[in-house]
Amino acid sequence: MVSACSLALFPLCQSVGYLGNMIIGQDSPLRKIPSALHRRQVLFLEGIRFTVEMAELAYRRLQGTLLLQTNQPALNDDNPPLVSAMLDAWAIVDSLHRLRDLVAGAPGFKGKNKSPKFRLFMESTINVPALRNTVQHLGSEIHGVIADQNWTVFGTLSWGVVHPERNEVTACTFMPGAPQPGSSHPIINPLNRTLWHLRVDSITIERSGVSVCLSDAMRRLAALTVSMEENLSKAYLEQIPAQYQGQTHAADVVVCVVISVNQEQIVPEDTPDPEPELQGRDETETEKD
């Protein structure tokens, strides 16, 4: 029986991370978690890994969508690119919000408040909780914003596409929904940024006066992840008992089972589901205004 141990993690180091290759590689200590580690730390580390990977997947997909939309703005009714862009942008916001909580609350990350990588990540995402909260109660919020001509249901999305051969940046803003007379939404000014990263950068989502630059936040996330990985590798080597070195948890197991069903249960994809009898509601009851 392996007795679980807890790691006292060292202060996060200062390695530089960036969005080049995948942030978390196959040999990352976030994937190869020692089986001797206390389950509480295991769950935090697994939560951190999945959250980083979900944010990165959404961000890379968002970059591709915005680049395509800028160069070829024709809409595809079967796969509306701007709907995909908003889906991924808000997915990143959710992931950043979750990661802030996980990293701040992870046991053993001693000295994180002194780490530049931790502090820069937290600073670049400081508006994330407020931004996320603006879409959590849409049904009740809409009643109070009717007079605000600049208000949109899911905010606005801005970005810049870099053209290095011309030393130019194409600045774009997407305003979902019906534009209101007299409404205004700012366009990114390329001169306000010191650096522009190829090919799509400064992806920013704004709603109700609260904005987050997703591009800046993702670069800070990448740097923080590299720092955590180096910290974990050192802690695994120095604090896991020798007899348990190299023993890691299995990761991302998929189980598939083939089960026979009746032929009549298999129907075309667009077949409507049978409607069950509704319970607990008078059919004569009317909706409230």
C-alpha atoms as a PDB file:
ATOM      1  CA  MET A   1       0.000   0.000   0.000  1.00  0.00           C
ATOM      2  CA  VAL A   2       1.539   3.292  -1.088  1.00  0.00           C
ATOM      3  CA  SER A   3       1.212   6.039   1.476  1.00  0.00           C
ATOM      4  CA  ALA A   4       0.359   9.319  -0.225  1.00  0.00           C
ATOM      5  CA  CYS A   5       2.860  12.118   0.170  1.00  0.00           C
ATOM      6  CA  SER A   6       2.430  15.851  -0.289  1.00  0.00           C
ATOM      7  CA  LEU A   7       4.892  17.995  -2.186  1.00  0.00           C
ATOM      8  CA  ALA A   8       6.249  21.220  -0.772  1.00  0.00           C
ATOM      9  CA  LEU A   9       6.754  22.954  -4.084  1.00  0.00           C
ATOM     10  CA  PHE A  10       9.492  25.489  -4.545  1.00  0.00           C
ATOM     11  CA  PRO A  11       8.828  29.100  -5.582  1.00  0.00           C
ATOM     12  CA  LEU A  12       7.834  29.261  -9.234  1.00  0.00           C
ATOM     13  CA  CYS A  13      10.911  29.823 -11.377  1.00  0.00           C
ATOM     14  CA  GLN A  14      11.311  32.456 -14.074  1.00  0.00           C
ATOM     15  CA  SER A  15      11.555  30.499 -17.334  1.00  0.00           C
ATOM     16  CA  VAL A  16      10.021  32.080 -20.403  1.00  0.00           C
ATOM     17  CA  GLY A  17       6.983  30.441 -22.019  1.00  0.00           C
ATOM     18  CA  TYR A  18       5.314  31.291 -25.315  1.00  0.00           C
ATOM     19  CA  LEU A  19       2.660  30.044 -27.702  1.00  0.00           C
ATOM     20  CA  GLY A  20       4.882  28.221 -30.170  1.00  0.00           C
ATOM     21  CA  ASN A  21       4.633  24.466 -29.746  1.00  0.00           C
ATOM     22  CA  MET A  22       1.908  22.978 -27.590  1.00  0.00           C
ATOM     23  CA  ILE A  23       2.125  24.425 -24.101  1.00  0.00           C
ATOM     24  CA  ILE A  24       2.006  21.050 -22.341  1.00  0.00           C
ATOM     25  CA  GLY A  25       4.084  18.371 -24.048  1.00  0.00           C
ATOM     26  CA  GLN A  26       3.708  14.603 -23.845  1.00  0.00           C
ATOM     27  CA  ASP A  27       6.506  14.315 -21.281  1.00  0.00           C
ATOM     28  CA  SER A  28       5.237  17.126 -19.060  1.00  0.00           C
ATOM     29  CA  PRO A  29       5.221  16.467 -15.297  1.00  0.00           C
ATOM     30  CA  LEU A  30       1.622  17.649 -15.430  1.00  0.00           C
ATOM     31  CA  ARG A  31       0.879  14.458 -17.402  1.00  0.00           C
ATOM     32  CA  LYS A  32       3.157  12.103 -15.479  1.00  0.00           C
ATOM     33  CA  ILE A  33       1.938  12.617 -11.935  1.00  0.00           C
ATOM     34  CA  PRO A  34       3.578  10.328  -9.345  1.00  0.00           C
ATOM     35  CA  SER A  35       1.235   7.694  -7.965  1.00  0.00           C
ATOM     36  CA  ALA A  36       2.601   8.372  -4.474  1.00  0.00           C
ATOM     37  CA  LEU A  37       1.344  11.949  -4.526  1.00  0.00           C
ATOM     38  CA  HIS A  38      -1.517  12.945  -2.216  1.00  0.00           C
ATOM     39  CA  ARG A  39      -4.843  12.790  -4.055  1.00  0.00           C
ATOM     40  CA  ARG A  40      -5.660  16.424  -3.279  1.00  0.00           C
ATOM     41  CA  GLN A  41      -2.560  17.586  -5.144  1.00  0.00           C
ATOM     42  CA  VAL A  42      -3.246  15.096  -7.941  1.00  0.00           C
ATOM     43  CA  LEU A  43      -6.692  16.557  -8.533  1.00  0.00           C
ATOM     44  CA  PHE A  44      -5.387  20.125  -8.557  1.00  0.00           C
ATOM     45  CA  LEU A  45      -2.658  19.230 -11.056  1.00  0.00           C
ATOM     46  CA  GLU A  46      -5.096  17.389 -13.306  1.00  0.00           C
ATOM     47  CA  GLY A  47      -7.451  20.355 -13.165  1.00  0.00           C
ATOM     48  CA  ILE A  48      -4.624  22.722 -14.092  1.00  0.00           C
ATOM     49  CA  ARG A  49      -3.493  20.553 -17.020  1.00  0.00           C
ATOM     50  CA  PHE A  50      -6.936  20.143 -18.551  1.00  0.00           C
ATOM     51  CA  THR A  51      -7.747  23.820 -18.096  1.00  0.00           C
ATOM     52  CA  VAL A  52      -4.530  24.919 -19.803  1.00  0.00           C
ATOM     53  CA  GLU A  53      -5.121  22.493 -22.672  1.00  0.00           C
ATOM     54  CA  MET A  54      -8.741  23.594 -23.128  1.00  0.00           C
ATOM     55  CA  ALA A  55      -7.729  27.251 -23.162  1.00  0.00           C
ATOM     56  CA  GLU A  56      -4.959  26.582 -25.680  1.00  0.00           C
ATOM     57  CA  LEU A  57      -7.203  24.541 -27.972  1.00  0.00           C
ATOM     58  CA  ALA A  58      -9.842  27.279 -27.963  1.00  0.00           C
ATOM     59  CA  TYR A  59      -7.233  30.010 -28.516  1.00  0.00           C
ATOM     60  CA  ARG A  60      -5.507  28.297 -31.458  1.00  0.00           C
ATOM     61  CA  ARG A  61      -8.884  27.604 -33.046  1.00  0.00           C
ATOM     62  CA  LEU A  62      -9.927  31.217 -32.429  1.00  0.00           C
ATOM     63  CA  GLN A  63      -6.779  32.524 -34.102  1.00  0.00           C
ATOM     64  CA  GLY A  64      -7.462  30.415 -37.183  1.00  0.00           C
ATOM     65  CA  THR A  65     -11.096  31.487 -37.346  1.00  0.00           C
ATOM     66  CA  LEU A  66     -10.277  35.203 -37.085  1.00  0.00           C
ATOM     67  CA  LEU A  67      -7.513  34.960 -39.682  1.00  0.00           C
ATOM     68  CA  LEU A  68      -9.891  33.249 -42.090  1.00  0.00           C
ATOM     69  CA  GLN A  69     -12.658  35.734 -41.337  1.00  0.00           C
ATOM     70  CA  THR A  70     -10.336  38.680 -42.003  1.00  0.00           C
ATOM     71  CA  ASN A  71      -9.022  37.324 -45.297  1.00  0.00           C
ATOM     72  CA  GLN A  72     -12.191  35.609 -46.525  1.00  0.00           C
ATOM     73  CA  PRO A  73     -15.195  37.226 -44.812  1.00  0.00           C
ATOM     74  CA  ALA A  74     -17.819  35.222 -46.736  1.00  0.00           C
ATOM     75  CA  LEU A  75     -20.080  33.393 -44.291  1.00  0.00           C
ATOM     76  CA  ASN A  76     -20.630  29.655 -44.275  1.00  0.00           C
ATOM     77  CA  ASP A  77     -24.190  28.896 -43.157  1.00  0.00           C
ATOM     78  CA  ASP A  78     -23.232  25.373 -42.099  1.00  0.00           C
ATOM     79  CA  ASN A  79     -20.388  26.586 -39.871  1.00  0.00           C
ATOM     80  CA  PRO A  80     -20.706  30.325 -39.120  1.00  0.00           C
ATOM     81  CA  PRO A  81     -17.131  31.415 -38.329  1.00  0.00           C
ATOM     82  CA  LEU A  82     -18.088  34.331 -36.100  1.00  0.00           C
ATOM     83  CA  VAL A  83     -20.316  32.120 -33.960  1.00  0.00           C
ATOM     84  CA  SER A  84     -17.344  29.781 -33.604  1.00  0.00           C
ATOM     85  CA  ALA A  85     -15.164  32.759 -32.658  1.00  0.00           C
ATOM     86  CA  MET A  86     -17.477  33.904 -29.878  1.00  0.00           C
ATOM     87  CA  LEU A  87     -17.825  30.335 -28.618  1.00  0.00           C
ATOM     88  CA  ASP A  88     -14.053  29.968 -28.336  1.00  0.00           C
ATOM     89  CA  ALA A  89     -13.510  33.447 -26.892  1.00  0.00           C
ATOM     90  CA  TRP A  90     -15.916  32.844 -24.022  1.00  0.00           C
ATOM     91  CA  ALA A  91     -14.517  29.339 -23.526  1.00  0.00           C
ATOM     92  CA  ILE A  92     -11.101  30.944 -22.989  1.00  0.00           C
ATOM     93  CA  VAL A  93     -12.595  33.366 -20.474  1.00  0.00           C
ATOM     94  CA  ASP A  94     -14.088  30.424 -18.546  1.00  0.00           C
ATOM     95  CA  SER A  95     -10.776  28.550 -18.627  1.00  0.00           C
ATOM     96  CA  LEU A  96      -8.783  31.570 -17.452  1.00  0.00           C
ATOM     97  CA  HIS A  97     -11.235  32.078 -14.597  1.00  0.00           C
ATOM     98  CA  ARG A  98     -10.926  28.433 -13.565  1.00  0.00           C
ATOM     99  CA  LEU A  99      -7.137  28.466 -13.837  1.00  0.00           C
ATOM    100  CA  ARG A 100      -6.875  31.534 -11.603  1.00  0.00           C
ATOM    101  CA  ASP A 101      -8.732  29.652  -8.875  1.00  0.00           C
ATOM    102  CA  LEU A 102      -6.792  26.415  -9.341  1.00  0.00           C
ATOM    103  CA  VAL A 103      -3.331  27.966  -9.316  1.00  0.00           C
ATOM    104  CA  ALA A 104      -4.151  30.266  -6.403  1.00  0.00           C
ATOM    105  CA  GLY A 105      -5.568  27.396  -4.353  1.00  0.00           C
ATOM    106  CA  ALA A 106      -3.172  24.577  -5.302  1.00  0.00           C
ATOM    107  CA  PRO A 107      -1.549  23.115  -2.185  1.00  0.00           C
ATOM    108  CA  GLY A 108       2.235  23.249  -2.024  1.00  0.00           C
ATOM    109  CA  PHE A 109       2.827  26.159  -4.417  1.00  0.00           C
ATOM    110  CA  LYS A 110       4.851  28.051  -1.848  1.00  0.00           C
ATOM    111  CA  GLY A 111       6.133  31.492  -2.705  1.00  0.00           C
ATOM    112  CA  LYS A 112       3.819  31.889  -5.692  1.00  0.00           C
ATOM    113  CA  ASN A 113       2.913  35.451  -4.676  1.00  0.00           C
ATOM    114  CA  LYS A 114       6.589  36.359  -5.119  1.00  0.00           C
ATOM    115  CA  SER A 115       6.849  34.675  -8.516  1.00  0.00           C
ATOM    116  CA  PRO A 116       6.895  37.107 -11.465  1.00  0.00           C
ATOM    117  CA  LYS A 117       5.203  34.506 -13.695  1.00  0.00           C
ATOM    118  CA  PHE A 118       2.330  33.982 -11.267  1.00  0.00           C
ATOM    119  CA  ARG A 119       1.887  37.678 -10.648  1.00  0.00           C
ATOM    120  CA  LEU A 120       2.005  38.564 -14.352  1.00  0.00           C
ATOM    121  CA  PHE A 121      -0.613  35.914 -15.146  1.00  0.00           C
ATOM    122  CA  MET A 122      -2.899  37.087 -12.359  1.00  0.00           C
ATOM    123  CA  GLU A 123      -2.442  40.711 -13.426  1.00  0.00           C
ATOM    124  CA  SER A 124      -3.164  40.009 -17.108  1.00  0.00           C
ATOM    125  CA  THR A 125      -6.368  38.202 -16.126  1.00  0.00           C
ATOM    126  CA  ILE A 126      -7.476  40.520 -13.325  1.00  0.00           C
ATOM    127  CA  ASN A 127     -10.643  41.487 -15.234  1.00  0.00           C
ATOM    128  CA  VAL A 128     -11.598  37.884 -16.047  1.00  0.00           C
ATOM    129  CA  PRO A 129     -13.882  37.281 -13.019  1.00  0.00           C
ATOM    130  CA  ALA A 130     -15.800  40.514 -13.648  1.00  0.00           C
ATOM    131  CA  LEU A 131     -16.028  39.834 -17.391  1.00  0.00           C
ATOM    132  CA  ARG A 132     -17.266  36.299 -16.829  1.00  0.00           C
ATOM    133  CA  ASN A 133     -19.863  37.532 -14.358  1.00  0.00           C
ATOM    134  CA  THR A 134     -21.374  39.822 -17.009  1.00  0.00           C
ATOM    135  CA  VAL A 135     -22.766  36.829 -18.920  1.00  0.00           C
ATOM    136  CA  GLN A 136     -23.838  34.618 -16.036  1.00  0.00           C
ATOM    137  CA  HIS A 137     -27.296  36.180 -15.587  1.00  0.00           C
ATOM    138  CA  LEU A 138     -28.333  37.346 -19.048  1.00  0.00           C
ATOM    139  CA  GLY A 139     -32.037  36.843 -18.466  1.00  0.00           C
ATOM    140  CA  SER A 140     -32.175  39.293 -15.588  1.00  0.00           C
ATOM    141  CA  GLU A 141     -29.536  41.709 -16.903  1.00  0.00           C
ATOM    142  CA  ILE A 142     -31.188  42.483 -20.250  1.00  0.00           C
ATOM    143  CA  HIS A 143     -34.064  44.352 -18.584  1.00  0.00           C
ATOM    144  CA  GLY A 144     -31.676  46.986 -17.240  1.00  0.00           C
ATOM    145  CA  VAL A 145     -29.680  47.731 -20.393  1.00  0.00           C
ATOM    146  CA  ILE A 146     -32.357  48.483 -22.982  1.00  0.00           C
ATOM    147  CA  ALA A 147     -31.328  52.147 -23.196  1.00  0.00           C
ATOM    148  CA  ASP A 148     -27.622  51.383 -23.643  1.00  0.00           C
ATOM    149  CA  GLN A 149     -27.037  51.541 -27.400  1.00  0.00           C
ATOM    150  CA  ASN A 150     -23.518  50.102 -27.067  1.00  0.00           C
ATOM    151  CA  TRP A 151     -24.578  47.005 -25.123  1.00  0.00           C
ATOM    152  CA  THR A 152     -24.490  43.658 -26.944  1.00  0.00           C
ATOM    153  CA  VAL A 153     -25.583  40.303 -25.591  1.00  0.00           C
ATOM    154  CA  PHE A 154     -22.188  38.619 -25.840  1.00  0.00           C
ATOM    155  CA  GLY A 155     -19.943  41.677 -26.014  1.00  0.00           C
ATOM    156  CA  THR A 156     -17.553  42.635 -28.800  1.00  0.00           C
ATOM    157  CA  LEU A 157     -14.505  40.837 -30.107  1.00  0.00           C
ATOM    158  CA  SER A 158     -11.525  42.757 -31.496  1.00  0.00           C
ATOM    159  CA  TRP A 159      -8.295  41.547 -33.080  1.00  0.00           C
ATOM    160  CA  GLY A 160      -5.452  42.477 -35.390  1.00  0.00           C
ATOM    161  CA  VAL A 161      -3.975  40.511 -38.307  1.00  0.00           C
ATOM    162  CA  VAL A 162      -0.296  41.221 -38.887  1.00  0.00           C
ATOM    163  CA  HIS A 163       1.101  41.737 -42.409  1.00  0.00           C
ATOM    164  CA  PRO A 164       4.900  41.668 -41.976  1.00  0.00           C
ATOM    165  CA  GLU A 165       5.571  42.103 -45.683  1.00  0.00           C
ATOM    166  CA  ARG A 166       3.830  45.502 -45.575  1.00  0.00           C
ATOM    167  CA  ASN A 167       4.489  46.467 -41.953  1.00  0.00           C
ATOM    168  CA  GLU A 168       0.745  46.754 -41.477  1.00  0.00           C
ATOM    169  CA  VAL A 169      -1.902  45.487 -39.084  1.00  0.00           C
ATOM    170  CA  THR A 170      -5.526  44.992 -40.110  1.00  0.00           C
ATOM    171  CA  ALA A 171      -7.636  45.898 -37.059  1.00  0.00           C
ATOM    172  CA  CYS A 172     -11.089  44.298 -36.838  1.00  0.00           C
ATOM    173  CA  THR A 173     -14.034  44.385 -34.429  1.00  0.00           C
ATOM    174  CA  PHE A 174     -17.004  42.024 -34.409  1.00  0.00           C
ATOM    175  CA  MET A 175     -20.246  43.339 -32.925  1.00  0.00           C
ATOM    176  CA  PRO A 176     -22.718  40.422 -32.685  1.00  0.00           C
ATOM    177  CA  GLY A 177     -26.402  41.048 -33.086  1.00  0.00           C
ATOM    178  CA  ALA A 178     -28.284  44.003 -34.537  1.00  0.00           C
ATOM    179  CA  PRO A 179     -26.280  47.274 -34.517  1.00  0.00           C
ATOM    180  CA  GLN A 180     -28.116  50.127 -32.828  1.00  0.00           C
ATOM    181  CA  PRO A 181     -28.258  53.663 -34.259  1.00  0.00           C
ATOM    182  CA  GLY A 182     -25.643  55.819 -32.573  1.00  0.00           C
ATOM    183  CA  SER A 183     -23.743  52.890 -31.098  1.00  0.00           C
ATOM    184  CA  SER A 184     -19.949  52.951 -31.116  1.00  0.00           C
ATOM    185  CA  HIS A 185     -17.277  50.362 -30.445  1.00  0.00           C
ATOM    186  CA  PRO A 186     -13.568  51.135 -30.425  1.00  0.00           C
ATOM    187  CA  ILE A 187     -11.149  49.679 -32.966  1.00  0.00           C
ATOM    188  CA  ILE A 188      -7.740  48.487 -31.761  1.00  0.00           C
ATOM    189  CA  ASN A 189      -5.021  51.068 -32.410  1.00  0.00           C
ATOM    190  CA  PRO A 190      -1.893  49.161 -33.533  1.00  0.00           C
ATOM    191  CA  LEU A 191       0.314  51.997 -32.314  1.00  0.00           C
ATOM    192  CA  ASN A 192      -0.773  51.342 -28.720  1.00  0.00           C
ATOM    193  CA  ARG A 193       1.069  48.008 -28.641  1.00  0.00           C
ATOM    194  CA  THR A 194       4.833  47.643 -28.372  1.00  0.00           C
ATOM    195  CA  LEU A 195       4.887  44.262 -30.162  1.00  0.00           C
ATOM    196  CA  TRP A 196       2.618  42.459 -32.602  1.00  0.00           C
ATOM    197  CA  HIS A 197       2.930  38.665 -32.740  1.00  0.00           C
ATOM    198  CA  LEU A 198       2.315  36.847 -36.006  1.00  0.00           C
ATOM    199  CA  ARG A 199      -0.261  36.301 -37.402  1.00  0.00           C
ATOM    200  CA  VAL A 200      -3.270  37.190 -35.228  1.00  0.00           C
ATOM    201  CA  ASP A 201      -2.720  39.159 -32.038  1.00  0.00           C
ATOM    202  CA  SER A 202      -4.374  41.453 -29.517  1.00  0.00           C
ATOM    203  CA  ILE A 203      -7.550  39.336 -29.493  1.00  0.00           C
ATOM    204  CA  THR A 204      -9.686  41.214 -26.985  1.00  0.00           C
ATOM    205  CA  ILE A 205     -13.175  40.546 -25.694  1.00  0.00           C
ATOM    206  CA  GLU A 206     -15.179  43.343 -24.069  1.00  0.00           C
ATOM    207  CA  ARG A 207     -18.587  43.514 -22.482  1.00  0.00           C
ATOM    208  CA  SER A 208     -20.280  46.061 -20.233  1.00  0.00           C
ATOM    209  CA  GLY A 209     -17.103  48.126 -20.068  1.00  0.00           C
ATOM    210  CA  VAL A 210     -14.936  45.189 -18.915  1.00  0.00           C
ATOM    211  CA  SER A 211     -12.281  43.891 -21.311  1.00  0.00           C
ATOM    212  CA  VAL A 212      -9.588  41.200 -21.361  1.00  0.00           C
ATOM    213  CA  CYS A 213      -6.854  40.800 -23.964  1.00  0.00           C
ATOM    214  CA  LEU A 214      -6.943  37.054 -24.532  1.00  0.00           C
ATOM    215  CA  SER A 215      -3.678  37.101 -26.493  1.00  0.00           C
ATOM    216  CA  ASP A 216      -1.725  38.678 -23.642  1.00  0.00           C
ATOM    217  CA  ALA A 217      -3.385  36.372 -21.108  1.00  0.00           C
ATOM    218  CA  MET A 218      -2.517  33.240 -23.105  1.00  0.00           C
ATOM    219  CA  ARG A 219       1.143  34.214 -23.358  1.00  0.00           C
ATOM    220  CA  ARG A 220       1.231  34.754 -19.592  1.00  0.00           C
ATOM    221  CA  LEU A 221      -0.502  31.401 -19.143  1.00  0.00           C
ATOM    222  CA  ALA A 222       2.163  29.695 -21.273  1.00  0.00           C
ATOM    223  CA  ALA A 223       4.987  31.260 -19.264  1.00  0.00           C
ATOM    224  CA  LEU A 224       3.329  30.287 -15.986  1.00  0.00           C
ATOM    225  CA  THR A 225       2.860  26.697 -17.166  1.00  0.00           C
ATOM    226  CA  VAL A 226       6.546  26.324 -18.073  1.00  0.00           C
ATOM    227  CA  SER A 227       7.419  27.669 -14.649  1.00  0.00           C
ATOM    228  CA  MET A 228       5.110  25.178 -12.933  1.00  0.00           C
ATOM    229  CA  GLU A 229       6.515  22.282 -14.954  1.00  0.00           C
ATOM    230  CA  GLU A 230      10.107  23.055 -13.946  1.00  0.00           C
ATOM    231  CA  ASN A 231       8.989  23.448 -10.357  1.00  0.00           C
ATOM    232  CA  LEU A 232       7.163  20.107 -10.415  1.00  0.00           C
ATOM    233  CA  SER A 233      10.053  18.222 -12.044  1.00  0.00           C
ATOM    234  CA  LYS A 234      12.383  19.360  -9.294  1.00  0.00           C
ATOM    235  CA  ALA A 235       9.870  18.540  -6.565  1.00  0.00           C
ATOM    236  CA  TYR A 236       9.173  15.048  -7.975  1.00  0.00           C
ATOM    237  CA  LEU A 237      12.900  14.262  -8.036  1.00  0.00           C
ATOM    238  CA  GLU A 238      13.704  15.573  -4.579  1.00  0.00           C
ATOM    239  CA  GLN A 239      10.587  14.725  -2.568  1.00  0.00           C
ATOM    240  CA  ILE A 240       9.102  11.507  -3.934  1.00  0.00           C
ATOM    241  CA  PRO A 241      10.598   8.520  -2.041  1.00  0.00           C
ATOM    242  CA  ALA A 242      13.160   6.578  -4.050  1.00  0.00           C
ATOM    243  CA  GLN A 243      11.079   3.368  -4.085  1.00  0.00           C
ATOM    244  CA  TYR A 244       8.222   5.228  -5.798  1.00  0.00           C
ATOM    245  CA  GLN A 245      10.274   7.136  -8.374  1.00  0.00           C
ATOM    246  CA  GLY A 246       8.996   6.506 -11.914  1.00  0.00           C
ATOM    247  CA  GLN A 247       5.609   5.209 -10.740  1.00  0.00           C
ATOM    248  CA  THR A 248       2.965   7.482 -12.235  1.00  0.00           C
ATOM    249  CA  HIS A 249      -0.796   7.580 -12.601  1.00  0.00           C
ATOM    250  CA  ALA A 250      -2.378   6.499 -15.859  1.00  0.00           C
ATOM    251  CA  ALA A 251      -3.703   9.494 -17.773  1.00  0.00           C
ATOM    252  CA  ASP A 252      -6.680  10.064 -20.073  1.00  0.00           C
ATOM    253  CA  VAL A 253      -8.009   6.509 -20.302  1.00  0.00           C
ATOM    254  CA  VAL A 254     -10.756   5.900 -22.871  1.00  0.00           C
ATOM    255  CA  VAL A 255     -13.031   2.871 -22.484  1.00  0.00           C
ATOM    256  CA  CYS A 256     -15.334   1.743 -25.323  1.00  0.00           C
ATOM    257  CA  VAL A 257     -17.952  -1.023 -25.147  1.00  0.00           C
ATOM    258  CA  VAL A 258     -19.914  -2.407 -28.122  1.00  0.00           C
ATOM    259  CA  ILE A 259     -23.556  -3.121 -27.186  1.00  0.00           C
ATOM    260  CA  SER A 260     -26.285  -4.593 -29.401  1.00  0.00           C
ATOM    261  CA  VAL A 261     -29.535  -2.615 -29.740  1.00  0.00           C
ATOM    262  CA  ASN A 262     -32.857  -3.257 -31.508  1.00  0.00           C
ATOM    263  CA  GLN A 263     -32.963  -2.277 -35.189  1.00  0.00           C
ATOM    264  CA  GLU A 264     -35.897   0.123 -34.657  1.00  0.00           C
ATOM    265  CA  GLN A 265     -33.836   2.102 -32.171  1.00  0.00           C
ATOM    266  CA  ILE A 266     -31.481   3.279 -34.916  1.00  0.00           C
ATOM    267  CA  VAL A 267     -32.924   6.261 -36.809  1.00  0.00           C
ATOM    268  CA  PRO A 268     -31.642   9.076 -39.086  1.00  0.00           C
ATOM    269  CA  GLU A 269     -29.873  11.944 -37.323  1.00  0.00           C
ATOM    270  CA  ASP A 270     -32.669  14.472 -37.898  1.00  0.00           C
ATOM    271  CA  THR A 271     -35.411  12.210 -36.486  1.00  0.00           C
ATOM    272  CA  PRO A 272     -37.208  14.062 -33.646  1.00  0.00           C
ATOM    273  CA  ASP A 273     -37.233  12.492 -30.204  1.00  0.00           C
ATOM    274  CA  PRO A 274     -40.595  11.235 -28.933  1.00  0.00           C
ATOM    275  CA  GLU A 275     -42.231  13.839 -26.733  1.00  0.00           C
ATOM    276  CA  PRO A 276     -42.865  12.574 -23.212  1.00  0.00           C
ATOM    277  CA  GLU A 277     -46.025  13.465 -21.314  1.00  0.00           C
ATOM    278  CA  LEU A 278     -45.336  16.603 -19.284  1.00  0.00           C
ATOM    279  CA  GLN A 279     -45.917  16.334 -15.565  1.00  0.00           C
ATOM    280  CA  GLY A 280     -46.716  18.930 -12.915  1.00  0.00           C
ATOM    281  CA  ARG A 281     -48.018  21.719 -15.171  1.00  0.00           C
ATOM    282  CA  ASP A 282     -51.532  22.651 -16.164  1.00  0.00           C
ATOM    283  CA  GLU A 283     -51.729  22.817 -19.948  1.00  0.00           C
ATOM    284  CA  THR A 284     -54.023  25.834 -19.674  1.00  0.00           C
ATOM    285  CA  GLU A 285     -51.435  27.811 -17.677  1.00  0.00           C
ATOM    286  CA  THR A 286     -50.130  30.805 -19.628  1.00  0.00           C
ATOM    287  CA  GLU A 287     -46.620  32.193 -19.690  1.00  0.00           C
ATOM    288  CA  LYS A 288     -45.965  35.213 -17.535  1.00  0.00           C
ATOM    289  CA  ASP A 289     -45.195  38.442 -19.345  1.00  0.00           C
END
